[in-house]
PDB file of N, CA and C in Angstrom:
ATOM      1  N   MET A   1      13.962 -29.031  24.358  1.00  0.00           N
ATOM      2  CA  MET A   1      13.240 -27.778  24.464  1.00  0.00           C
ATOM      3  C   MET A   1      14.114 -26.667  23.879  1.00  0.00           C
ATOM      4  N   THR A   2      13.555 -25.862  23.006  1.00  0.00           N
ATOM      5  CA  THR A   2      14.252 -24.779  22.328  1.00  0.00           C
ATOM      6  C   THR A   2      13.539 -23.477  22.613  1.00  0.00           C
ATOM      7  N   ALA A   3      14.324 -22.398  22.757  1.00  0.00           N
ATOM      8  CA  ALA A   3      13.717 -21.099  23.070  1.00  0.00           C
ATOM      9  C   ALA A   3      14.409 -19.983  22.302  1.00  0.00           C
ATOM     10  N   ILE A   4      13.665 -18.915  22.104  1.00  0.00           N
ATOM     11  CA  ILE A   4      14.192 -17.683  21.540  1.00  0.00           C
ATOM     12  C   ILE A   4      13.678 -16.552  22.424  1.00  0.00           C
ATOM     13  N   THR A   5      14.531 -15.587  22.689  1.00  0.00           N
ATOM     14  CA  THR A   5      14.142 -14.439  23.506  1.00  0.00           C
ATOM     15  C   THR A   5      14.262 -13.173  22.673  1.00  0.00           C
ATOM     16  N   LEU A   6      13.180 -12.419  22.629  1.00  0.00           N
ATOM     17  CA  LEU A   6      13.193 -11.105  21.985  1.00  0.00           C
ATOM     18  C   LEU A   6      13.305 -10.058  23.075  1.00  0.00           C
ATOM     19  N   ARG A   7      14.361  -9.290  23.032  1.00  0.00           N
ATOM     20  CA  ARG A   7      14.517  -8.184  23.970  1.00  0.00           C
ATOM     21  C   ARG A   7      13.610  -7.039  23.511  1.00  0.00           C
ATOM     22  N   LYS A   8      13.424  -6.047  24.346  1.00  0.00           N
ATOM     23  CA  LYS A   8      12.477  -4.954  24.057  1.00  0.00           C
ATOM     24  C   LYS A   8      12.702  -4.315  22.681  1.00  0.00           C
ATOM     25  N   PRO A   9      13.946  -3.990  22.269  1.00  0.00           N
ATOM     26  CA  PRO A   9      14.108  -3.395  20.932  1.00  0.00           C
ATOM     27  C   PRO A   9      13.641  -4.316  19.804  1.00  0.00           C
ATOM     28  N   GLN A  10      13.891  -5.619  19.922  1.00  0.00           N
ATOM     29  CA  GLN A  10      13.427  -6.565  18.910  1.00  0.00           C
ATOM     30  C   GLN A  10      11.910  -6.688  18.937  1.00  0.00           C
ATOM     31  N   LEU A  11      11.350  -6.710  20.122  1.00  0.00           N
ATOM     32  CA  LEU A  11       9.904  -6.794  20.282  1.00  0.00           C
ATOM     33  C   LEU A  11       9.231  -5.572  19.676  1.00  0.00           C
ATOM     34  N   LYS A  12       9.827  -4.398  19.875  1.00  0.00           N
ATOM     35  CA  LYS A  12       9.295  -3.167  19.299  1.00  0.00           C
ATOM     36  C   LYS A  12       9.395  -3.201  17.765  1.00  0.00           C
ATOM     37  N   LYS A  13      10.528  -3.662  17.245  1.00  0.00           N
ATOM     38  CA  LYS A  13      10.698  -3.780  15.789  1.00  0.00           C
ATOM     39  C   LYS A  13       9.630  -4.711  15.206  1.00  0.00           C
ATOM     40  N   PHE A  14       9.400  -5.827  15.878  1.00  0.00           N
ATOM     41  CA  PHE A  14       8.391  -6.795  15.448  1.00  0.00           C
ATOM     42  C   PHE A  14       7.004  -6.153  15.448  1.00  0.00           C
ATOM     43  N   ALA A  15       6.669  -5.461  16.533  1.00  0.00           N
ATOM     44  CA  ALA A  15       5.358  -4.802  16.639  1.00  0.00           C
ATOM     45  C   ALA A  15       5.208  -3.707  15.578  1.00  0.00           C
ATOM     46  N   ASP A  16       6.262  -2.945  15.334  1.00  0.00           N
ATOM     47  CA  ASP A  16       6.207  -1.895  14.301  1.00  0.00           C
ATOM     48  C   ASP A  16       5.928  -2.491  12.927  1.00  0.00           C
ATOM     49  N   PHE A  17       6.558  -3.621  12.611  1.00  0.00           N
ATOM     50  CA  PHE A  17       6.315  -4.293  11.336  1.00  0.00           C
ATOM     51  C   PHE A  17       4.861  -4.754  11.244  1.00  0.00           C
ATOM     52  N   ILE A  18       4.383  -5.378  12.302  1.00  0.00           N
ATOM     53  CA  ILE A  18       3.001  -5.872  12.334  1.00  0.00           C
ATOM     54  C   ILE A  18       2.011  -4.732  12.132  1.00  0.00           C
ATOM     55  N   ARG A  19       2.239  -3.622  12.793  1.00  0.00           N
ATOM     56  CA  ARG A  19       1.342  -2.463  12.636  1.00  0.00           C
ATOM     57  C   ARG A  19       1.422  -1.868  11.228  1.00  0.00           C
ATOM     58  N   LYS A  20       2.638  -1.660  10.750  1.00  0.00           N
ATOM     59  CA  LYS A  20       2.832  -1.050   9.428  1.00  0.00           C
ATOM     60  C   LYS A  20       2.113  -1.842   8.340  1.00  0.00           C
ATOM     61  N   HIS A  21       2.191  -3.157   8.439  1.00  0.00           N
ATOM     62  CA  HIS A  21       1.627  -4.014   7.395  1.00  0.00           C
ATOM     63  C   HIS A  21       0.260  -4.598   7.757  1.00  0.00           C
ATOM     64  N   GLU A  22      -0.266  -4.172   8.903  1.00  0.00           N
ATOM     65  CA  GLU A  22      -1.585  -4.618   9.350  1.00  0.00           C
ATOM     66  C   GLU A  22      -1.699  -6.146   9.361  1.00  0.00           C
ATOM     67  N   CYS A  23      -0.646  -6.794   9.858  1.00  0.00           N
ATOM     68  CA  CYS A  23      -0.630  -8.257   9.943  1.00  0.00           C
ATOM     69  C   CYS A  23      -1.642  -8.724  10.986  1.00  0.00           C
ATOM     70  N   LYS A  24      -2.340  -9.763  10.675  1.00  0.00           N
ATOM     71  CA  LYS A  24      -3.313 -10.345  11.601  1.00  0.00           C
ATOM     72  C   LYS A  24      -2.683 -11.420  12.471  1.00  0.00           C
ATOM     73  N   ASN A  25      -1.532 -11.968  12.007  1.00  0.00           N
ATOM     74  CA  ASN A  25      -0.889 -13.025  12.778  1.00  0.00           C
ATOM     75  C   ASN A  25       0.626 -12.986  12.617  1.00  0.00           C
ATOM     76  N   TRP A  26       1.286 -13.782  13.421  1.00  0.00           N
ATOM     77  CA  TRP A  26       2.720 -14.023  13.327  1.00  0.00           C
ATOM     78  C   TRP A  26       2.907 -15.529  13.439  1.00  0.00           C
ATOM     79  N   PHE A  27       4.114 -16.020  13.224  1.00  0.00           N
ATOM     80  CA  PHE A  27       4.296 -17.465  13.149  1.00  0.00           C
ATOM     81  C   PHE A  27       5.629 -17.919  13.719  1.00  0.00           C
ATOM     82  N   ILE A  28       5.666 -19.203  14.004  1.00  0.00           N
ATOM     83  CA  ILE A  28       6.891 -19.932  14.282  1.00  0.00           C
ATOM     84  C   ILE A  28       7.000 -20.947  13.150  1.00  0.00           C
ATOM     85  N   ALA A  29       8.176 -21.048  12.521  1.00  0.00           N
ATOM     86  CA  ALA A  29       8.318 -21.954  11.388  1.00  0.00           C
ATOM     87  C   ALA A  29       9.689 -22.617  11.365  1.00  0.00           C
ATOM     88  N   LYS A  30       9.705 -23.789  10.759  1.00  0.00           N
ATOM     89  CA  LYS A  30      10.952 -24.482  10.449  1.00  0.00           C
ATOM     90  C   LYS A  30      10.859 -24.925   9.003  1.00  0.00           C
ATOM     91  N   ASP A  31      11.717 -24.377   8.172  1.00  0.00           N
ATOM     92  CA  ASP A  31      11.876 -24.825   6.793  1.00  0.00           C
ATOM     93  C   ASP A  31      13.305 -24.510   6.382  1.00  0.00           C
ATOM     94  N   GLU A  32      13.573 -23.332   5.861  1.00  0.00           N
ATOM     95  CA  GLU A  32      14.947 -22.895   5.599  1.00  0.00           C
ATOM     96  C   GLU A  32      15.478 -22.260   6.876  1.00  0.00           C
ATOM     97  N   GLY A  33      15.761 -23.064   7.874  1.00  0.00           N
ATOM     98  CA  GLY A  33      16.124 -22.589   9.201  1.00  0.00           C
ATOM     99  C   GLY A  33      14.915 -22.699  10.111  1.00  0.00           C
ATOM    100  N   ALA A  34      15.024 -22.058  11.272  1.00  0.00           N
ATOM    101  CA  ALA A  34      13.904 -22.038  12.228  1.00  0.00           C
ATOM    102  C   ALA A  34      13.826 -20.634  12.797  1.00  0.00           C
ATOM    103  N   TYR A  35      12.610 -20.084  12.842  1.00  0.00           N
ATOM    104  CA  TYR A  35      12.457 -18.672  13.154  1.00  0.00           C
ATOM    105  C   TYR A  35      11.039 -18.343  13.585  1.00  0.00           C
ATOM    106  N   ILE A  36      10.900 -17.120  14.113  1.00  0.00           N
ATOM    107  CA  ILE A  36       9.580 -16.541  14.318  1.00  0.00           C
ATOM    108  C   ILE A  36       9.509 -15.316  13.415  1.00  0.00           C
ATOM    109  N   GLY A  37       8.300 -14.912  13.040  1.00  0.00           N
ATOM    110  CA  GLY A  37       8.219 -13.748  12.177  1.00  0.00           C
ATOM    111  C   GLY A  37       6.824 -13.433  11.701  1.00  0.00           C
ATOM    112  N   ALA A  38       6.797 -12.468  10.791  1.00  0.00           N
ATOM    113  CA  ALA A  38       5.567 -12.045  10.126  1.00  0.00           C
ATOM    114  C   ALA A  38       5.938 -11.646   8.701  1.00  0.00           C
ATOM    115  N   THR A  39       4.999 -11.780   7.784  1.00  0.00           N
ATOM    116  CA  THR A  39       5.239 -11.422   6.388  1.00  0.00           C
ATOM    117  C   THR A  39       4.098 -10.559   5.864  1.00  0.00           C
ATOM    118  N   SER A  40       4.399  -9.876   4.767  1.00  0.00           N
ATOM    119  CA  SER A  40       3.399  -9.034   4.128  1.00  0.00           C
ATOM    120  C   SER A  40       3.694  -8.974   2.635  1.00  0.00           C
ATOM    121  N   GLY A  41       2.673  -8.758   1.858  1.00  0.00           N
ATOM    122  CA  GLY A  41       2.845  -8.554   0.429  1.00  0.00           C
ATOM    123  C   GLY A  41       2.880  -9.848  -0.356  1.00  0.00           C
ATOM    124  N   ASN A  42       3.390  -9.722  -1.587  1.00  0.00           N
ATOM    125  CA  ASN A  42       3.360 -10.814  -2.543  1.00  0.00           C
ATOM    126  C   ASN A  42       4.700 -10.875  -3.278  1.00  0.00           C
ATOM    127  N   VAL A  43       5.290 -12.049  -3.367  1.00  0.00           N
ATOM    128  CA  VAL A  43       6.566 -12.228  -4.065  1.00  0.00           C
ATOM    129  C   VAL A  43       6.416 -11.886  -5.543  1.00  0.00           C
ATOM    130  N   ASP A  44       5.312 -12.285  -6.148  1.00  0.00           N
ATOM    131  CA  ASP A  44       5.120 -12.112  -7.585  1.00  0.00           C
ATOM    132  C   ASP A  44       5.087 -10.653  -8.021  1.00  0.00           C
ATOM    133  N   ASP A  45       4.530  -9.763  -7.205  1.00  0.00           N
ATOM    134  CA  ASP A  45       4.454  -8.355  -7.610  1.00  0.00           C
ATOM    135  C   ASP A  45       5.522  -7.491  -6.938  1.00  0.00           C
ATOM    136  N   GLY A  46       6.456  -8.130  -6.232  1.00  0.00           N
ATOM    137  CA  GLY A  46       7.578  -7.394  -5.646  1.00  0.00           C
ATOM    138  C   GLY A  46       7.269  -6.648  -4.368  1.00  0.00           C
ATOM    139  N   THR A  47       6.115  -6.915  -3.747  1.00  0.00           N
ATOM    140  CA  THR A  47       5.756  -6.195  -2.521  1.00  0.00           C
ATOM    141  C   THR A  47       6.063  -6.995  -1.260  1.00  0.00           C
ATOM    142  N   PHE A  48       6.649  -8.185  -1.409  1.00  0.00           N
ATOM    143  CA  PHE A  48       6.895  -9.067  -0.267  1.00  0.00           C
ATOM    144  C   PHE A  48       7.923  -8.462   0.694  1.00  0.00           C
ATOM    145  N   GLU A  49       7.579  -8.472   1.991  1.00  0.00           N
ATOM    146  CA  GLU A  49       8.490  -8.066   3.056  1.00  0.00           C
ATOM    147  C   GLU A  49       8.317  -9.037   4.210  1.00  0.00           C
ATOM    148  N   ASN A  50       9.391  -9.217   4.974  1.00  0.00           N
ATOM    149  CA  ASN A  50       9.256 -10.043   6.162  1.00  0.00           C
ATOM    150  C   ASN A  50      10.078  -9.469   7.304  1.00  0.00           C
ATOM    151  N   CYS A  51       9.749  -9.916   8.473  1.00  0.00           N
ATOM    152  CA  CYS A  51      10.460  -9.569   9.697  1.00  0.00           C
ATOM    153  C   CYS A  51      10.675 -10.901  10.418  1.00  0.00           C
ATOM    154  N   LEU A  52      11.922 -11.374  10.422  1.00  0.00           N
ATOM    155  CA  LEU A  52      12.221 -12.691  10.971  1.00  0.00           C
ATOM    156  C   LEU A  52      13.258 -12.603  12.079  1.00  0.00           C
ATOM    157  N   PHE A  53      13.114 -13.481  13.066  1.00  0.00           N
ATOM    158  CA  PHE A  53      14.068 -13.634  14.153  1.00  0.00           C
ATOM    159  C   PHE A  53      14.371 -15.127  14.251  1.00  0.00           C
ATOM    160  N   TYR A  54      15.624 -15.489  14.019  1.00  0.00           N
ATOM    161  CA  TYR A  54      16.022 -16.899  13.975  1.00  0.00           C
ATOM    162  C   TYR A  54      16.381 -17.449  15.349  1.00  0.00           C
ATOM    163  N   PHE A  55      16.025 -18.707  15.563  1.00  0.00           N
ATOM    164  CA  PHE A  55      16.487 -19.424  16.739  1.00  0.00           C
ATOM    165  C   PHE A  55      18.005 -19.589  16.619  1.00  0.00           C
ATOM    166  N   LYS A  56      18.686 -19.652  17.747  1.00  0.00           N
ATOM    167  CA  LYS A  56      20.141 -19.740  17.777  1.00  0.00           C
ATOM    168  C   LYS A  56      20.627 -20.914  16.923  1.00  0.00           C
ATOM    169  N   GLY A  57      21.559 -20.591  16.010  1.00  0.00           N
ATOM    170  CA  GLY A  57      22.153 -21.609  15.150  1.00  0.00           C
ATOM    171  C   GLY A  57      21.343 -21.969  13.928  1.00  0.00           C
ATOM    172  N   CYS A  58      20.150 -21.395  13.770  1.00  0.00           N
ATOM    173  CA  CYS A  58      19.229 -21.807  12.707  1.00  0.00           C
ATOM    174  C   CYS A  58      19.071 -20.777  11.587  1.00  0.00           C
ATOM    175  N   ASP A  59      19.975 -19.801  11.513  1.00  0.00           N
ATOM    176  CA  ASP A  59      19.921 -18.763  10.483  1.00  0.00           C
ATOM    177  C   ASP A  59      20.847 -19.152   9.332  1.00  0.00           C
ATOM    178  N   PRO A  60      20.297 -19.416   8.137  1.00  0.00           N
ATOM    179  CA  PRO A  60      21.125 -19.834   7.004  1.00  0.00           C
ATOM    180  C   PRO A  60      22.205 -18.819   6.616  1.00  0.00           C
ATOM    181  N   SER A  61      21.982 -17.556   6.887  1.00  0.00           N
ATOM    182  CA  SER A  61      22.972 -16.543   6.515  1.00  0.00           C
ATOM    183  C   SER A  61      24.133 -16.466   7.510  1.00  0.00           C
ATOM    184  N   LYS A  62      23.995 -17.138   8.654  1.00  0.00           N
ATOM    185  CA  LYS A  62      25.033 -17.062   9.681  1.00  0.00           C
ATOM    186  C   LYS A  62      25.641 -18.410  10.055  1.00  0.00           C
ATOM    187  N   ASN A  63      25.028 -19.496   9.619  1.00  0.00           N
ATOM    188  CA  ASN A  63      25.500 -20.815  10.023  1.00  0.00           C
ATOM    189  C   ASN A  63      25.343 -21.800   8.863  1.00  0.00           C
ATOM    190  N   GLU A  64      26.477 -22.295   8.351  1.00  0.00           N
ATOM    191  CA  GLU A  64      26.424 -23.265   7.261  1.00  0.00           C
ATOM    192  C   GLU A  64      25.676 -24.533   7.656  1.00  0.00           C
ATOM    193  N   SER A  65      25.689 -24.857   8.937  1.00  0.00           N
ATOM    194  CA  SER A  65      25.038 -26.072   9.438  1.00  0.00           C
ATOM    195  C   SER A  65      23.634 -25.800   9.970  1.00  0.00           C
ATOM    196  N   TYR A  66      23.007 -24.723   9.498  1.00  0.00           N
ATOM    197  CA  TYR A  66      21.681 -24.341   9.992  1.00  0.00           C
ATOM    198  C   TYR A  66      20.670 -25.478   9.857  1.00  0.00           C
ATOM    199  N   TRP A  67      20.722 -26.226   8.742  1.00  0.00           N
ATOM    200  CA  TRP A  67      19.751 -27.294   8.510  1.00  0.00           C
ATOM    201  C   TRP A  67      19.882 -28.372   9.580  1.00  0.00           C
ATOM    202  N   ASP A  68      21.118 -28.789   9.853  1.00  0.00           N
ATOM    203  CA  ASP A  68      21.349 -29.796  10.893  1.00  0.00           C
ATOM    204  C   ASP A  68      20.945 -29.279  12.267  1.00  0.00           C
ATOM    205  N   GLU A  69      21.271 -28.013  12.540  1.00  0.00           N
ATOM    206  CA  GLU A  69      20.924 -27.418  13.831  1.00  0.00           C
ATOM    207  C   GLU A  69      19.413 -27.354  14.014  1.00  0.00           C
ATOM    208  N   ALA A  70      18.690 -26.905  12.986  1.00  0.00           N
ATOM    209  CA  ALA A  70      17.223 -26.835  13.068  1.00  0.00           C
ATOM    210  C   ALA A  70      16.623 -28.230  13.230  1.00  0.00           C
ATOM    211  N   ARG A  71      17.184 -29.193  12.536  1.00  0.00           N
ATOM    212  CA  ARG A  71      16.701 -30.573  12.648  1.00  0.00           C
ATOM    213  C   ARG A  71      16.930 -31.116  14.053  1.00  0.00           C
ATOM    214  N   GLN A  72      18.086 -30.812  14.632  1.00  0.00           N
ATOM    215  CA  GLN A  72      18.384 -31.265  15.988  1.00  0.00           C
ATOM    216  C   GLN A  72      17.437 -30.626  17.005  1.00  0.00           C
ATOM    217  N   GLN A  73      17.160 -29.333  16.831  1.00  0.00           N
ATOM    218  CA  GLN A  73      16.314 -28.627  17.789  1.00  0.00           C
ATOM    219  C   GLN A  73      14.830 -28.940  17.632  1.00  0.00           C
ATOM    220  N   PHE A  74      14.369 -29.166  16.377  1.00  0.00           N
ATOM    221  CA  PHE A  74      12.927 -29.265  16.121  1.00  0.00           C
ATOM    222  C   PHE A  74      12.474 -30.569  15.491  1.00  0.00           C
ATOM    223  N   GLY A  75      13.390 -31.447  15.146  1.00  0.00           N
ATOM    224  CA  GLY A  75      13.005 -32.675  14.477  1.00  0.00           C
ATOM    225  C   GLY A  75      13.067 -32.504  12.966  1.00  0.00           C
ATOM    226  N   GLY A  76      12.682 -33.553  12.244  1.00  0.00           N
ATOM    227  CA  GLY A  76      12.878 -33.585  10.810  1.00  0.00           C
ATOM    228  C   GLY A  76      11.837 -32.897   9.955  1.00  0.00           C
ATOM    229  N   ASP A  77      10.620 -32.807  10.406  1.00  0.00           N
ATOM    230  CA  ASP A  77       9.561 -32.251   9.566  1.00  0.00           C
ATOM    231  C   ASP A  77       9.521 -30.734   9.628  1.00  0.00           C
ATOM    232  N   ASP A  78       9.246 -30.101   8.481  1.00  0.00           N
ATOM    233  CA  ASP A  78       9.005 -28.665   8.455  1.00  0.00           C
ATOM    234  C   ASP A  78       7.635 -28.401   9.082  1.00  0.00           C
ATOM    235  N   PHE A  79       7.471 -27.216   9.652  1.00  0.00           N
ATOM    236  CA  PHE A  79       6.177 -26.875  10.246  1.00  0.00           C
ATOM    237  C   PHE A  79       6.000 -25.370  10.292  1.00  0.00           C
ATOM    238  N   GLY A  80       4.789 -24.954  10.552  1.00  0.00           N
ATOM    239  CA  GLY A  80       4.452 -23.562  10.789  1.00  0.00           C
ATOM    240  C   GLY A  80       3.264 -23.499  11.734  1.00  0.00           C
ATOM    241  N   GLU A  81       3.363 -22.674  12.740  1.00  0.00           N
ATOM    242  CA  GLU A  81       2.262 -22.443  13.688  1.00  0.00           C
ATOM    243  C   GLU A  81       1.975 -20.951  13.703  1.00  0.00           C
ATOM    244  N   PHE A  82       0.701 -20.580  13.612  1.00  0.00           N
ATOM    245  CA  PHE A  82       0.304 -19.177  13.569  1.00  0.00           C
ATOM    246  C   PHE A  82      -0.338 -18.741  14.882  1.00  0.00           C
ATOM    247  N   PHE A  83      -0.104 -17.461  15.230  1.00  0.00           N
ATOM    248  CA  PHE A  83      -0.617 -16.865  16.459  1.00  0.00           C
ATOM    249  C   PHE A  83      -1.168 -15.479  16.155  1.00  0.00           C
ATOM    250  N   ASP A  84      -2.092 -15.037  16.973  1.00  0.00           N
ATOM    251  CA  ASP A  84      -2.699 -13.719  16.827  1.00  0.00           C
ATOM    252  C   ASP A  84      -1.656 -12.621  17.024  1.00  0.00           C
ATOM    253  N   ALA A  85      -1.644 -11.635  16.150  1.00  0.00           N
ATOM    254  CA  ALA A  85      -0.689 -10.525  16.225  1.00  0.00           C
ATOM    255  C   ALA A  85      -0.824  -9.727  17.517  1.00  0.00           C
ATOM    256  N   GLU A  86      -1.992  -9.756  18.116  1.00  0.00           N
ATOM    257  CA  GLU A  86      -2.213  -9.004  19.365  1.00  0.00           C
ATOM    258  C   GLU A  86      -1.257  -9.433  20.477  1.00  0.00           C
ATOM    259  N   ILE A  87      -0.810 -10.677  20.443  1.00  0.00           N
ATOM    260  CA  ILE A  87       0.131 -11.150  21.460  1.00  0.00           C
ATOM    261  C   ILE A  87       1.394 -10.288  21.431  1.00  0.00           C
ATOM    262  N   ILE A  88       1.929 -10.063  20.253  1.00  0.00           N
ATOM    263  CA  ILE A  88       3.149  -9.256  20.106  1.00  0.00           C
ATOM    264  C   ILE A  88       2.864  -7.807  20.463  1.00  0.00           C
ATOM    265  N   LEU A  89       1.768  -7.273  19.966  1.00  0.00           N
ATOM    266  CA  LEU A  89       1.444  -5.867  20.199  1.00  0.00           C
ATOM    267  C   LEU A  89       1.256  -5.571  21.687  1.00  0.00           C
ATOM    268  N   GLN A  90       0.551  -6.433  22.390  1.00  0.00           N
ATOM    269  CA  GLN A  90       0.310  -6.217  23.819  1.00  0.00           C
ATOM    270  C   GLN A  90       1.616  -6.219  24.612  1.00  0.00           C
ATOM    271  N   HIS A  91       2.491  -7.173  24.326  1.00  0.00           N
ATOM    272  CA  HIS A  91       3.752  -7.245  25.065  1.00  0.00           C
ATOM    273  C   HIS A  91       4.679  -6.094  24.695  1.00  0.00           C
ATOM    274  N   ALA A  92       4.709  -5.712  23.435  1.00  0.00           N
ATOM    275  CA  ALA A  92       5.558  -4.599  23.009  1.00  0.00           C
ATOM    276  C   ALA A  92       5.088  -3.279  23.613  1.00  0.00           C
ATOM    277  N   ASP A  93       3.780  -3.111  23.760  1.00  0.00           N
ATOM    278  CA  ASP A  93       3.220  -1.866  24.290  1.00  0.00           C
ATOM    279  C   ASP A  93       3.280  -1.777  25.813  1.00  0.00           C
ATOM    280  N   ASN A  94       3.450  -2.897  26.477  1.00  0.00           N
ATOM    281  CA  ASN A  94       3.502  -2.913  27.936  1.00  0.00           C
ATOM    282  C   ASN A  94       4.857  -2.360  28.384  1.00  0.00           C
ATOM    283  N   THR A  95       4.851  -1.208  29.027  1.00  0.00           N
ATOM    284  CA  THR A  95       6.099  -0.557  29.420  1.00  0.00           C
ATOM    285  C   THR A  95       6.887  -1.348  30.455  1.00  0.00           C
ATOM    286  N   LYS A  96       6.247  -2.272  31.143  1.00  0.00           N
ATOM    287  CA  LYS A  96       6.945  -3.090  32.133  1.00  0.00           C
ATOM    288  C   LYS A  96       7.674  -4.293  31.513  1.00  0.00           C
ATOM    289  N   VAL A  97       7.268  -4.705  30.313  1.00  0.00           N
ATOM    290  CA  VAL A  97       7.877  -5.874  29.676  1.00  0.00           C
ATOM    291  C   VAL A  97       9.260  -5.502  29.134  1.00  0.00           C
ATOM    292  N   THR A  98      10.268  -6.289  29.526  1.00  0.00           N
ATOM    293  CA  THR A  98      11.636  -6.074  29.049  1.00  0.00           C
ATOM    294  C   THR A  98      12.048  -7.100  27.998  1.00  0.00           C
ATOM    295  N   SER A  99      11.375  -8.252  27.974  1.00  0.00           N
ATOM    296  CA  SER A  99      11.661  -9.277  26.965  1.00  0.00           C
ATOM    297  C   SER A  99      10.518 -10.277  26.908  1.00  0.00           C
ATOM    298  N   MET A 100      10.474 -11.005  25.787  1.00  0.00           N
ATOM    299  CA  MET A 100       9.494 -12.054  25.602  1.00  0.00           C
ATOM    300  C   MET A 100      10.239 -13.317  25.166  1.00  0.00           C
ATOM    301  N   LYS A 101       9.988 -14.414  25.857  1.00  0.00           N
ATOM    302  CA  LYS A 101      10.634 -15.690  25.557  1.00  0.00           C
ATOM    303  C   LYS A 101       9.599 -16.659  25.010  1.00  0.00           C
ATOM    304  N   ILE A 102       9.949 -17.293  23.896  1.00  0.00           N
ATOM    305  CA  ILE A 102       9.083 -18.284  23.280  1.00  0.00           C
ATOM    306  C   ILE A 102       9.821 -19.621  23.346  1.00  0.00           C
ATOM    307  N   THR A 103       9.223 -20.570  24.039  1.00  0.00           N
ATOM    308  CA  THR A 103       9.813 -21.887  24.216  1.00  0.00           C
ATOM    309  C   THR A 103       8.985 -22.904  23.445  1.00  0.00           C
ATOM    310  N   VAL A 104       9.669 -23.744  22.662  1.00  0.00           N
ATOM    311  CA  VAL A 104       9.003 -24.748  21.841  1.00  0.00           C
ATOM    312  C   VAL A 104       9.512 -26.127  22.251  1.00  0.00           C
ATOM    313  N   ASP A 105       8.586 -27.011  22.555  1.00  0.00           N
ATOM    314  CA  ASP A 105       8.943 -28.409  22.780  1.00  0.00           C
ATOM    315  C   ASP A 105       7.920 -29.280  22.050  1.00  0.00           C
ATOM    316  N   PRO A 106       8.112 -30.570  22.024  1.00  0.00           N
ATOM    317  CA  PRO A 106       7.191 -31.421  21.256  1.00  0.00           C
ATOM    318  C   PRO A 106       5.734 -31.357  21.704  1.00  0.00           C
ATOM    319  N   GLU A 107       5.484 -30.941  22.932  1.00  0.00           N
ATOM    320  CA  GLU A 107       4.123 -30.930  23.472  1.00  0.00           C
ATOM    321  C   GLU A 107       3.435 -29.576  23.432  1.00  0.00           C
ATOM    322  N   GLU A 108       4.217 -28.493  23.520  1.00  0.00           N
ATOM    323  CA  GLU A 108       3.586 -27.179  23.649  1.00  0.00           C
ATOM    324  C   GLU A 108       4.523 -26.038  23.246  1.00  0.00           C
ATOM    325  N   ILE A 109       3.936 -24.872  23.086  1.00  0.00           N
ATOM    326  CA  ILE A 109       4.661 -23.629  22.852  1.00  0.00           C
ATOM    327  C   ILE A 109       4.278 -22.701  23.991  1.00  0.00           C
ATOM    328  N   ILE A 110       5.296 -22.188  24.676  1.00  0.00           N
ATOM    329  CA  ILE A 110       5.056 -21.327  25.840  1.00  0.00           C
ATOM    330  C   ILE A 110       5.585 -19.934  25.531  1.00  0.00           C
ATOM    331  N   ILE A 111       4.750 -18.931  25.772  1.00  0.00           N
ATOM    332  CA  ILE A 111       5.147 -17.538  25.613  1.00  0.00           C
ATOM    333  C   ILE A 111       5.168 -16.917  26.990  1.00  0.00           C
ATOM    334  N   ASP A 112       6.333 -16.411  27.366  1.00  0.00           N
ATOM    335  CA  ASP A 112       6.530 -15.868  28.702  1.00  0.00           C
ATOM    336  C   ASP A 112       7.219 -14.515  28.574  1.00  0.00           C
ATOM    337  N   THR A 113       6.918 -13.616  29.484  1.00  0.00           N
ATOM    338  CA  THR A 113       7.568 -12.310  29.464  1.00  0.00           C
ATOM    339  C   THR A 113       8.324 -12.054  30.753  1.00  0.00           C
ATOM    340  N   ARG A 114       9.320 -11.214  30.621  1.00  0.00           N
ATOM    341  CA  ARG A 114      10.052 -10.734  31.794  1.00  0.00           C
ATOM    342  C   ARG A 114       9.673  -9.271  31.958  1.00  0.00           C
ATOM    343  N   GLU A 115       9.362  -8.894  33.197  1.00  0.00           N
ATOM    344  CA  GLU A 115       8.931  -7.519  33.459  1.00  0.00           C
ATOM    345  C   GLU A 115       9.841  -6.867  34.481  1.00  0.00           C
ATOM    346  N   LEU A 116       9.861  -5.546  34.439  1.00  0.00           N
ATOM    347  CA  LEU A 116      10.585  -4.778  35.443  1.00  0.00           C
ATOM    348  C   LEU A 116       9.971  -5.059  36.814  1.00  0.00           C
ATOM    349  N   ALA A 117      10.800  -5.074  37.824  1.00  0.00           N
ATOM    350  CA  ALA A 117      10.306  -5.341  39.185  1.00  0.00           C
ATOM    351  C   ALA A 117       9.531  -4.170  39.730  1.00  0.00           C
TER     352      ALA A 117
END
């Protein structure tokens, strides 16, 4: 089981990107590392932008062994799963939410939040 936690500032940054670019969805992916994020624009015309948050050890810019780490955490096949952008927006806008945790295992993806008491 692998998880990533976005604290409130990261969650806000993610929501701001989604709003700015009017993204309809966000994703969890494993290819060149493993991450969650959203993208906008087109590579061919130079308008491409992304907002990515890497799972621990799976960022190619920070870990030479990112490929092995991602393979260990997620298995051998590349994948992508898409989710409605409203999930991020609702949690980011909720003043009680302090973080959002996304847990991935072979059977399911769980999105959980931590709130102020």
